[in-house]
């Protein structure tokens, strides 16, 4: 199975302060066009938040239309698309507009867009790290209880957890200050206790970053729109760069486990025979 991961499209964000940026809608469309041409075709597409920049219903409608235009429907061999919200999103609005793309579990804690779907031998569990009106995120005790019950229910089965705020410290101090501020330690215990979490996929940081939690890899995919300056000096301000956009691309088999790649959206010269 191949899993594509596109994050932080920020549909609706004014990109005019960044000369040369094509606009968030075009950037998202290009990322999906890249997903569509991959071979073998991804069976799942994860969208890990900041789908809209301001939570407007029209932005989610735009995102949904772009998905329909660029990707085949799942019924015609398109990928299963699963989404969770980010701090720029309004989860209730996103749920209303996106529908099946954010299939909130019936037993999800009240006010949380938690997702659990089995597909292709993997259990996909989405966590809602949004704190309304705040840039930082948390995994709340009700969500941790829900996650524990879900992991117990699929004991011994391979799991992919996806969320917006990554459960790690990156060294980018300004972004760490608005990262996942609560719930990392108990989440680590749950992941370690389950023992078969193949991957924790996240966004928010607008950079490709690899870490680990409880014995599972944590993979932060870069934004489909724009990246943040890699600056590890303490107290460094946030700044943007128009680096070549990439998506996460994860290969999983029951025999081999998970291998994580970053795939450039824009074409480069080659391939050249060697």
C-alpha atoms as a PDB file:
ATOM      1  CA  UNK A   1       0.000   0.000   0.000  1.00  0.00           C
ATOM      2  CA  UNK A   2       1.095   3.549  -0.766  1.00  0.00           C
ATOM      3  CA  UNK A   3      -0.168   6.384   1.408  1.00  0.00           C
ATOM      4  CA  UNK A   4       0.081   9.974   0.169  1.00  0.00           C
ATOM      5  CA  UNK A   5       0.184  12.777   2.726  1.00  0.00           C
ATOM      6  CA  UNK A   6      -0.659  16.380   1.847  1.00  0.00           C
ATOM      7  CA  UNK A   7      -0.863  18.957   4.602  1.00  0.00           C
ATOM      8  CA  UNK A   8      -1.348  22.636   5.385  1.00  0.00           C
ATOM      9  CA  UNK A   9      -2.790  23.858   2.060  1.00  0.00           C
ATOM     10  CA  UNK A  10      -4.194  26.971   3.825  1.00  0.00           C
ATOM     11  CA  UNK A  11      -6.852  27.500   1.163  1.00  0.00           C
ATOM     12  CA  UNK A  12      -7.889  31.167   1.134  1.00  0.00           C
ATOM     13  CA  UNK A  13      -4.609  32.597   2.402  1.00  0.00           C
ATOM     14  CA  UNK A  14      -3.452  35.762   0.599  1.00  0.00           C
ATOM     15  CA  UNK A  15      -0.035  34.886  -0.800  1.00  0.00           C
ATOM     16  CA  UNK A  16       0.689  38.276  -2.398  1.00  0.00           C
ATOM     17  CA  UNK A  17       3.395  39.062   0.231  1.00  0.00           C
ATOM     18  CA  UNK A  18       5.373  36.113  -1.208  1.00  0.00           C
ATOM     19  CA  UNK A  19       6.316  37.071  -4.793  1.00  0.00           C
ATOM     20  CA  UNK A  20       6.276  34.111  -7.122  1.00  0.00           C
ATOM     21  CA  UNK A  21       3.822  32.040  -5.122  1.00  0.00           C
ATOM     22  CA  UNK A  22       1.099  30.660  -7.437  1.00  0.00           C
ATOM     23  CA  UNK A  23      -1.626  30.886  -4.797  1.00  0.00           C
ATOM     24  CA  UNK A  24      -2.779  28.255  -2.341  1.00  0.00           C
ATOM     25  CA  UNK A  25      -5.436  26.796  -4.638  1.00  0.00           C
ATOM     26  CA  UNK A  26      -2.980  26.280  -7.498  1.00  0.00           C
ATOM     27  CA  UNK A  27      -0.397  24.833  -5.105  1.00  0.00           C
ATOM     28  CA  UNK A  28      -2.923  22.359  -3.706  1.00  0.00           C
ATOM     29  CA  UNK A  29      -4.071  21.440  -7.202  1.00  0.00           C
ATOM     30  CA  UNK A  30      -0.460  20.774  -8.246  1.00  0.00           C
ATOM     31  CA  UNK A  31       0.094  18.548  -5.209  1.00  0.00           C
ATOM     32  CA  UNK A  32      -2.981  16.489  -6.062  1.00  0.00           C
ATOM     33  CA  UNK A  33      -1.977  16.270  -9.725  1.00  0.00           C
ATOM     34  CA  UNK A  34       1.340  14.854  -8.503  1.00  0.00           C
ATOM     35  CA  UNK A  35      -0.498  12.302  -6.356  1.00  0.00           C
ATOM     36  CA  UNK A  36      -2.634  11.311  -9.357  1.00  0.00           C
ATOM     37  CA  UNK A  37       0.353  10.522 -11.594  1.00  0.00           C
ATOM     38  CA  UNK A  38       2.178   8.363  -9.069  1.00  0.00           C
ATOM     39  CA  UNK A  39       2.630   4.703  -9.977  1.00  0.00           C
ATOM     40  CA  UNK A  40       1.654   2.559  -8.224  1.00  0.00           C
ATOM     41  CA  UNK A  41      -1.284   4.721  -7.237  1.00  0.00           C
ATOM     42  CA  UNK A  42      -1.689   5.634  -3.552  1.00  0.00           C
ATOM     43  CA  UNK A  43      -4.610   3.876  -1.903  1.00  0.00           C
ATOM     44  CA  UNK A  44      -5.010   6.490   0.836  1.00  0.00           C
ATOM     45  CA  UNK A  45      -4.565  10.262   0.938  1.00  0.00           C
ATOM     46  CA  UNK A  46      -4.152  11.854   4.360  1.00  0.00           C
ATOM     47  CA  UNK A  47      -4.895  15.566   4.843  1.00  0.00           C
ATOM     48  CA  UNK A  48      -3.521  16.612   8.220  1.00  0.00           C
ATOM     49  CA  UNK A  49      -5.059  19.988   8.876  1.00  0.00           C
ATOM     50  CA  UNK A  50      -4.928  23.698   8.154  1.00  0.00           C
ATOM     51  CA  UNK A  51      -7.097  22.863   5.191  1.00  0.00           C
ATOM     52  CA  UNK A  52      -8.427  26.419   5.225  1.00  0.00           C
ATOM     53  CA  UNK A  53      -6.548  29.442   6.488  1.00  0.00           C
ATOM     54  CA  UNK A  54      -9.538  30.974   8.258  1.00  0.00           C
ATOM     55  CA  UNK A  55     -12.162  28.226   8.491  1.00  0.00           C
ATOM     56  CA  UNK A  56     -14.543  29.694   5.915  1.00  0.00           C
ATOM     57  CA  UNK A  57     -17.103  27.290   4.454  1.00  0.00           C
ATOM     58  CA  UNK A  58     -16.267  28.540   0.967  1.00  0.00           C
ATOM     59  CA  UNK A  59     -12.633  27.486   1.436  1.00  0.00           C
ATOM     60  CA  UNK A  60     -13.641  23.921   2.318  1.00  0.00           C
ATOM     61  CA  UNK A  61     -15.971  23.903  -0.681  1.00  0.00           C
ATOM     62  CA  UNK A  62     -13.047  25.027  -2.855  1.00  0.00           C
ATOM     63  CA  UNK A  63     -10.816  22.296  -1.421  1.00  0.00           C
ATOM     64  CA  UNK A  64     -13.514  19.691  -2.020  1.00  0.00           C
ATOM     65  CA  UNK A  65     -14.012  20.832  -5.616  1.00  0.00           C
ATOM     66  CA  UNK A  66     -10.271  20.681  -6.296  1.00  0.00           C
ATOM     67  CA  UNK A  67     -10.159  17.142  -4.915  1.00  0.00           C
ATOM     68  CA  UNK A  68     -13.047  16.105  -7.145  1.00  0.00           C
ATOM     69  CA  UNK A  69     -11.465  17.698 -10.209  1.00  0.00           C
ATOM     70  CA  UNK A  70      -7.938  16.383  -9.687  1.00  0.00           C
ATOM     71  CA  UNK A  71      -8.443  12.897  -8.245  1.00  0.00           C
ATOM     72  CA  UNK A  72     -10.652  10.032  -9.382  1.00  0.00           C
ATOM     73  CA  UNK A  73     -13.407   9.008  -6.999  1.00  0.00           C
ATOM     74  CA  UNK A  74     -12.609   6.126  -4.671  1.00  0.00           C
ATOM     75  CA  UNK A  75     -15.291   4.095  -6.453  1.00  0.00           C
ATOM     76  CA  UNK A  76     -13.237   4.418  -9.663  1.00  0.00           C
ATOM     77  CA  UNK A  77      -9.886   3.461  -8.123  1.00  0.00           C
ATOM     78  CA  UNK A  78      -9.172   6.808  -6.513  1.00  0.00           C
ATOM     79  CA  UNK A  79      -7.615   6.991  -3.038  1.00  0.00           C
ATOM     80  CA  UNK A  80      -9.548   6.966   0.198  1.00  0.00           C
ATOM     81  CA  UNK A  81      -9.240  10.563   1.449  1.00  0.00           C
ATOM     82  CA  UNK A  82      -9.166  11.123   5.212  1.00  0.00           C
ATOM     83  CA  UNK A  83      -8.844  14.542   6.875  1.00  0.00           C
ATOM     84  CA  UNK A  84      -8.408  15.984  10.344  1.00  0.00           C
ATOM     85  CA  UNK A  85      -8.503  19.682  11.265  1.00  0.00           C
ATOM     86  CA  UNK A  86      -5.637  22.008  12.155  1.00  0.00           C
ATOM     87  CA  UNK A  87      -5.449  25.143  14.258  1.00  0.00           C
ATOM     88  CA  UNK A  88      -6.486  27.386  11.340  1.00  0.00           C
ATOM     89  CA  UNK A  89      -9.593  25.277  10.746  1.00  0.00           C
ATOM     90  CA  UNK A  90     -13.057  25.434  12.241  1.00  0.00           C
ATOM     91  CA  UNK A  91     -13.691  21.721  12.798  1.00  0.00           C
ATOM     92  CA  UNK A  92     -17.489  21.875  12.802  1.00  0.00           C
ATOM     93  CA  UNK A  93     -17.568  23.857   9.566  1.00  0.00           C
ATOM     94  CA  UNK A  94     -15.036  21.506   8.004  1.00  0.00           C
ATOM     95  CA  UNK A  95     -17.130  18.476   8.992  1.00  0.00           C
ATOM     96  CA  UNK A  96     -20.286  19.942   7.509  1.00  0.00           C
ATOM     97  CA  UNK A  97     -18.696  20.760   4.161  1.00  0.00           C
ATOM     98  CA  UNK A  98     -16.242  17.897   3.749  1.00  0.00           C
ATOM     99  CA  UNK A  99     -18.600  15.128   4.826  1.00  0.00           C
ATOM    100  CA  UNK A 100     -17.075  11.688   4.193  1.00  0.00           C
ATOM    101  CA  UNK A 101     -13.559  13.135   4.032  1.00  0.00           C
ATOM    102  CA  UNK A 102     -13.771  13.701   7.791  1.00  0.00           C
ATOM    103  CA  UNK A 103     -15.701  10.619   8.963  1.00  0.00           C
ATOM    104  CA  UNK A 104     -15.861  11.379  12.675  1.00  0.00           C
ATOM    105  CA  UNK A 105     -16.274   8.227  14.747  1.00  0.00           C
ATOM    106  CA  UNK A 106     -19.678   7.750  16.374  1.00  0.00           C
ATOM    107  CA  UNK A 107     -18.057   7.381  19.788  1.00  0.00           C
ATOM    108  CA  UNK A 108     -15.640  10.309  19.351  1.00  0.00           C
ATOM    109  CA  UNK A 109     -15.381  12.589  22.396  1.00  0.00           C
ATOM    110  CA  UNK A 110     -17.814  15.497  22.170  1.00  0.00           C
ATOM    111  CA  UNK A 111     -16.369  18.416  20.243  1.00  0.00           C
ATOM    112  CA  UNK A 112     -13.504  16.412  18.729  1.00  0.00           C
ATOM    113  CA  UNK A 113     -13.212  15.336  15.089  1.00  0.00           C
ATOM    114  CA  UNK A 114     -11.634  11.940  15.791  1.00  0.00           C
ATOM    115  CA  UNK A 115     -11.480   9.429  12.950  1.00  0.00           C
ATOM    116  CA  UNK A 116     -11.018   5.656  12.854  1.00  0.00           C
ATOM    117  CA  UNK A 117     -11.151   3.767   9.560  1.00  0.00           C
ATOM    118  CA  UNK A 118      -9.752   0.363   8.575  1.00  0.00           C
ATOM    119  CA  UNK A 119      -8.443   0.183   5.026  1.00  0.00           C
ATOM    120  CA  UNK A 120      -6.160  -2.238   3.251  1.00  0.00           C
ATOM    121  CA  UNK A 121      -5.034  -3.976   6.415  1.00  0.00           C
ATOM    122  CA  UNK A 122      -4.186  -0.764   8.281  1.00  0.00           C
ATOM    123  CA  UNK A 123      -6.100   0.952  11.054  1.00  0.00           C
ATOM    124  CA  UNK A 124      -6.122   4.715  10.399  1.00  0.00           C
ATOM    125  CA  UNK A 125      -6.765   6.770  13.537  1.00  0.00           C
ATOM    126  CA  UNK A 126      -7.059  10.552  13.280  1.00  0.00           C
ATOM    127  CA  UNK A 127      -6.760  12.826  16.313  1.00  0.00           C
ATOM    128  CA  UNK A 128      -8.153  16.358  16.581  1.00  0.00           C
ATOM    129  CA  UNK A 129      -5.505  18.516  18.261  1.00  0.00           C
ATOM    130  CA  UNK A 130      -7.367  21.816  17.784  1.00  0.00           C
ATOM    131  CA  UNK A 131      -7.864  24.217  20.697  1.00  0.00           C
ATOM    132  CA  UNK A 132     -10.466  26.732  19.433  1.00  0.00           C
ATOM    133  CA  UNK A 133      -8.919  30.145  18.901  1.00  0.00           C
ATOM    134  CA  UNK A 134      -5.367  29.002  19.697  1.00  0.00           C
ATOM    135  CA  UNK A 135      -2.375  28.201  17.509  1.00  0.00           C
ATOM    136  CA  UNK A 136      -1.095  25.465  19.822  1.00  0.00           C
ATOM    137  CA  UNK A 137      -2.619  22.025  20.111  1.00  0.00           C
ATOM    138  CA  UNK A 138      -3.411  19.427  22.744  1.00  0.00           C
ATOM    139  CA  UNK A 139      -4.468  15.811  22.888  1.00  0.00           C
ATOM    140  CA  UNK A 140      -7.085  16.082  25.620  1.00  0.00           C
ATOM    141  CA  UNK A 141      -7.787  13.413  28.279  1.00  0.00           C
ATOM    142  CA  UNK A 142     -11.103  12.434  26.612  1.00  0.00           C
ATOM    143  CA  UNK A 143      -9.260  11.895  23.335  1.00  0.00           C
ATOM    144  CA  UNK A 144      -6.562   9.878  25.076  1.00  0.00           C
ATOM    145  CA  UNK A 145      -9.231   7.678  26.669  1.00  0.00           C
ATOM    146  CA  UNK A 146     -10.885   7.242  23.262  1.00  0.00           C
ATOM    147  CA  UNK A 147      -7.542   6.442  21.638  1.00  0.00           C
ATOM    148  CA  UNK A 148      -6.696   3.906  24.330  1.00  0.00           C
ATOM    149  CA  UNK A 149     -10.010   2.132  23.750  1.00  0.00           C
ATOM    150  CA  UNK A 150      -9.455   2.133  19.985  1.00  0.00           C
ATOM    151  CA  UNK A 151      -5.894   0.824  20.274  1.00  0.00           C
ATOM    152  CA  UNK A 152      -7.051  -1.900  22.663  1.00  0.00           C
ATOM    153  CA  UNK A 153      -9.774  -2.862  20.196  1.00  0.00           C
ATOM    154  CA  UNK A 154      -7.179  -3.343  17.458  1.00  0.00           C
ATOM    155  CA  UNK A 155      -4.457  -4.904  19.614  1.00  0.00           C
ATOM    156  CA  UNK A 156      -1.770  -6.508  17.491  1.00  0.00           C
ATOM    157  CA  UNK A 157      -2.991  -4.836  14.311  1.00  0.00           C
ATOM    158  CA  UNK A 158      -0.901  -2.252  12.417  1.00  0.00           C
ATOM    159  CA  UNK A 159      -1.990   1.351  13.035  1.00  0.00           C
ATOM    160  CA  UNK A 160      -1.315   4.720  11.415  1.00  0.00           C
ATOM    161  CA  UNK A 161      -2.086   7.758  13.587  1.00  0.00           C
ATOM    162  CA  UNK A 162      -2.488  11.105  11.847  1.00  0.00           C
ATOM    163  CA  UNK A 163      -2.885  14.527  13.442  1.00  0.00           C
ATOM    164  CA  UNK A 164      -2.068  18.180  12.843  1.00  0.00           C
ATOM    165  CA  UNK A 165       0.344  19.156  15.627  1.00  0.00           C
ATOM    166  CA  UNK A 166       3.282  16.732  15.752  1.00  0.00           C
ATOM    167  CA  UNK A 167       4.075  15.087  19.101  1.00  0.00           C
ATOM    168  CA  UNK A 168       7.718  16.153  19.182  1.00  0.00           C
ATOM    169  CA  UNK A 169      10.010  19.101  19.797  1.00  0.00           C
ATOM    170  CA  UNK A 170      11.682  20.263  16.603  1.00  0.00           C
ATOM    171  CA  UNK A 171      14.113  22.916  17.848  1.00  0.00           C
ATOM    172  CA  UNK A 172      12.249  25.592  15.852  1.00  0.00           C
ATOM    173  CA  UNK A 173      11.444  27.499  19.019  1.00  0.00           C
ATOM    174  CA  UNK A 174       8.690  29.777  17.711  1.00  0.00           C
ATOM    175  CA  UNK A 175       6.823  26.821  16.239  1.00  0.00           C
ATOM    176  CA  UNK A 176       7.472  24.570  19.230  1.00  0.00           C
ATOM    177  CA  UNK A 177       5.845  27.257  21.376  1.00  0.00           C
ATOM    178  CA  UNK A 178       2.640  26.728  19.402  1.00  0.00           C
ATOM    179  CA  UNK A 179       3.088  23.002  18.909  1.00  0.00           C
ATOM    180  CA  UNK A 180       1.475  20.150  20.802  1.00  0.00           C
ATOM    181  CA  UNK A 181       1.639  21.468  24.354  1.00  0.00           C
ATOM    182  CA  UNK A 182      -0.364  18.784  26.186  1.00  0.00           C
ATOM    183  CA  UNK A 183      -0.731  15.052  25.841  1.00  0.00           C
ATOM    184  CA  UNK A 184       2.648  13.971  24.455  1.00  0.00           C
ATOM    185  CA  UNK A 185       3.687  11.849  27.463  1.00  0.00           C
ATOM    186  CA  UNK A 186       0.451   9.830  27.738  1.00  0.00           C
ATOM    187  CA  UNK A 187       0.319   9.503  23.950  1.00  0.00           C
ATOM    188  CA  UNK A 188       3.836   8.070  24.044  1.00  0.00           C
ATOM    189  CA  UNK A 189       2.753   5.506  26.641  1.00  0.00           C
ATOM    190  CA  UNK A 190      -0.249   4.425  24.557  1.00  0.00           C
ATOM    191  CA  UNK A 191       1.830   4.089  21.396  1.00  0.00           C
ATOM    192  CA  UNK A 192       4.500   2.079  23.189  1.00  0.00           C
ATOM    193  CA  UNK A 193       1.918  -0.159  24.880  1.00  0.00           C
ATOM    194  CA  UNK A 194       0.210  -0.973  21.582  1.00  0.00           C
ATOM    195  CA  UNK A 195       3.494  -1.847  19.923  1.00  0.00           C
ATOM    196  CA  UNK A 196       2.219  -1.921  16.324  1.00  0.00           C
ATOM    197  CA  UNK A 197       1.851   1.763  15.471  1.00  0.00           C
ATOM    198  CA  UNK A 198       3.567   1.970  12.110  1.00  0.00           C
ATOM    199  CA  UNK A 199       3.619   5.754  11.752  1.00  0.00           C
ATOM    200  CA  UNK A 200       2.432   9.022  13.288  1.00  0.00           C
ATOM    201  CA  UNK A 201       1.867  11.498  10.429  1.00  0.00           C
ATOM    202  CA  UNK A 202       1.509  15.224  11.148  1.00  0.00           C
ATOM    203  CA  UNK A 203       1.806  18.713   9.679  1.00  0.00           C
ATOM    204  CA  UNK A 204       1.812  22.215  11.200  1.00  0.00           C
ATOM    205  CA  UNK A 205       5.565  22.793  10.981  1.00  0.00           C
ATOM    206  CA  UNK A 206       5.701  23.483   7.222  1.00  0.00           C
ATOM    207  CA  UNK A 207       8.901  21.467   6.972  1.00  0.00           C
ATOM    208  CA  UNK A 208       9.935  17.847   6.389  1.00  0.00           C
ATOM    209  CA  UNK A 209      10.870  16.517   9.828  1.00  0.00           C
ATOM    210  CA  UNK A 210      11.410  13.003  11.191  1.00  0.00           C
ATOM    211  CA  UNK A 211      11.235  12.030  14.834  1.00  0.00           C
ATOM    212  CA  UNK A 212       9.915   9.196  16.987  1.00  0.00           C
ATOM    213  CA  UNK A 213       7.467   8.585  19.802  1.00  0.00           C
ATOM    214  CA  UNK A 214       6.975   5.422  21.811  1.00  0.00           C
ATOM    215  CA  UNK A 215       8.910   3.361  19.280  1.00  0.00           C
ATOM    216  CA  UNK A 216       6.961   4.651  16.268  1.00  0.00           C
ATOM    217  CA  UNK A 217       8.289   7.083  13.646  1.00  0.00           C
ATOM    218  CA  UNK A 218       6.821  10.591  13.620  1.00  0.00           C
ATOM    219  CA  UNK A 219       6.790  12.074  10.125  1.00  0.00           C
ATOM    220  CA  UNK A 220       6.011  15.768   9.604  1.00  0.00           C
ATOM    221  CA  UNK A 221       5.179  16.495   5.973  1.00  0.00           C
ATOM    222  CA  UNK A 222       5.928  19.883   4.418  1.00  0.00           C
ATOM    223  CA  UNK A 223       3.101  22.186   3.361  1.00  0.00           C
ATOM    224  CA  UNK A 224       1.688  22.006  -0.148  1.00  0.00           C
ATOM    225  CA  UNK A 225       1.733  25.836  -0.085  1.00  0.00           C
ATOM    226  CA  UNK A 226       4.884  27.278   1.521  1.00  0.00           C
ATOM    227  CA  UNK A 227       7.607  26.244   3.934  1.00  0.00           C
ATOM    228  CA  UNK A 228       9.039  27.836   7.063  1.00  0.00           C
ATOM    229  CA  UNK A 229      12.645  28.884   7.399  1.00  0.00           C
ATOM    230  CA  UNK A 230      14.782  26.197   9.023  1.00  0.00           C
ATOM    231  CA  UNK A 231      16.288  28.207  11.870  1.00  0.00           C
ATOM    232  CA  UNK A 232      17.300  26.365  15.013  1.00  0.00           C
ATOM    233  CA  UNK A 233      18.639  29.384  16.903  1.00  0.00           C
ATOM    234  CA  UNK A 234      16.733  29.888  20.171  1.00  0.00           C
ATOM    235  CA  UNK A 235      14.188  32.674  19.837  1.00  0.00           C
ATOM    236  CA  UNK A 236      14.464  32.850  16.040  1.00  0.00           C
ATOM    237  CA  UNK A 237      11.378  34.429  14.436  1.00  0.00           C
ATOM    238  CA  UNK A 238       9.118  32.598  12.014  1.00  0.00           C
ATOM    239  CA  UNK A 239       9.809  33.313   8.343  1.00  0.00           C
ATOM    240  CA  UNK A 240       8.610  31.692   5.119  1.00  0.00           C
ATOM    241  CA  UNK A 241      10.456  30.296   2.133  1.00  0.00           C
ATOM    242  CA  UNK A 242       9.257  29.223  -1.284  1.00  0.00           C
ATOM    243  CA  UNK A 243      11.116  25.934  -1.254  1.00  0.00           C
ATOM    244  CA  UNK A 244      10.127  23.269  -3.806  1.00  0.00           C
ATOM    245  CA  UNK A 245       6.907  21.720  -2.464  1.00  0.00           C
ATOM    246  CA  UNK A 246       6.811  18.057  -1.480  1.00  0.00           C
ATOM    247  CA  UNK A 247       4.322  15.519  -0.236  1.00  0.00           C
ATOM    248  CA  UNK A 248       4.798  12.621   2.134  1.00  0.00           C
ATOM    249  CA  UNK A 249       4.674   9.221   0.466  1.00  0.00           C
ATOM    250  CA  UNK A 250       4.652   6.151   2.684  1.00  0.00           C
ATOM    251  CA  UNK A 251       5.028   2.551   1.548  1.00  0.00           C
ATOM    252  CA  UNK A 252       3.640  -0.133   3.843  1.00  0.00           C
ATOM    253  CA  UNK A 253       3.449  -3.878   3.609  1.00  0.00           C
ATOM    254  CA  UNK A 254       2.683  -6.392   6.329  1.00  0.00           C
ATOM    255  CA  UNK A 255       6.034  -8.075   5.633  1.00  0.00           C
ATOM    256  CA  UNK A 256       8.291  -5.022   5.377  1.00  0.00           C
ATOM    257  CA  UNK A 257       6.542  -2.469   7.579  1.00  0.00           C
ATOM    258  CA  UNK A 258       6.707   1.245   6.784  1.00  0.00           C
ATOM    259  CA  UNK A 259       9.166   3.189   4.622  1.00  0.00           C
ATOM    260  CA  UNK A 260       8.695   6.967   4.397  1.00  0.00           C
ATOM    261  CA  UNK A 261       9.627   9.146   1.444  1.00  0.00           C
ATOM    262  CA  UNK A 262       9.237  12.793   0.475  1.00  0.00           C
ATOM    263  CA  UNK A 263       8.220  13.278  -3.148  1.00  0.00           C
ATOM    264  CA  UNK A 264       8.783  16.570  -4.988  1.00  0.00           C
ATOM    265  CA  UNK A 265       5.669  18.023  -6.597  1.00  0.00           C
ATOM    266  CA  UNK A 266       7.539  19.955  -9.295  1.00  0.00           C
ATOM    267  CA  UNK A 267       9.394  18.042 -12.029  1.00  0.00           C
ATOM    268  CA  UNK A 268      13.179  18.031 -12.185  1.00  0.00           C
ATOM    269  CA  UNK A 269      15.433  16.998 -15.083  1.00  0.00           C
ATOM    270  CA  UNK A 270      15.786  13.235 -15.464  1.00  0.00           C
ATOM    271  CA  UNK A 271      15.682  10.388 -14.832  1.00  0.00           C
ATOM    272  CA  UNK A 272      18.973   9.665 -16.545  1.00  0.00           C
ATOM    273  CA  UNK A 273      20.132   6.078 -17.142  1.00  0.00           C
ATOM    274  CA  UNK A 274      23.177   5.082 -15.097  1.00  0.00           C
END
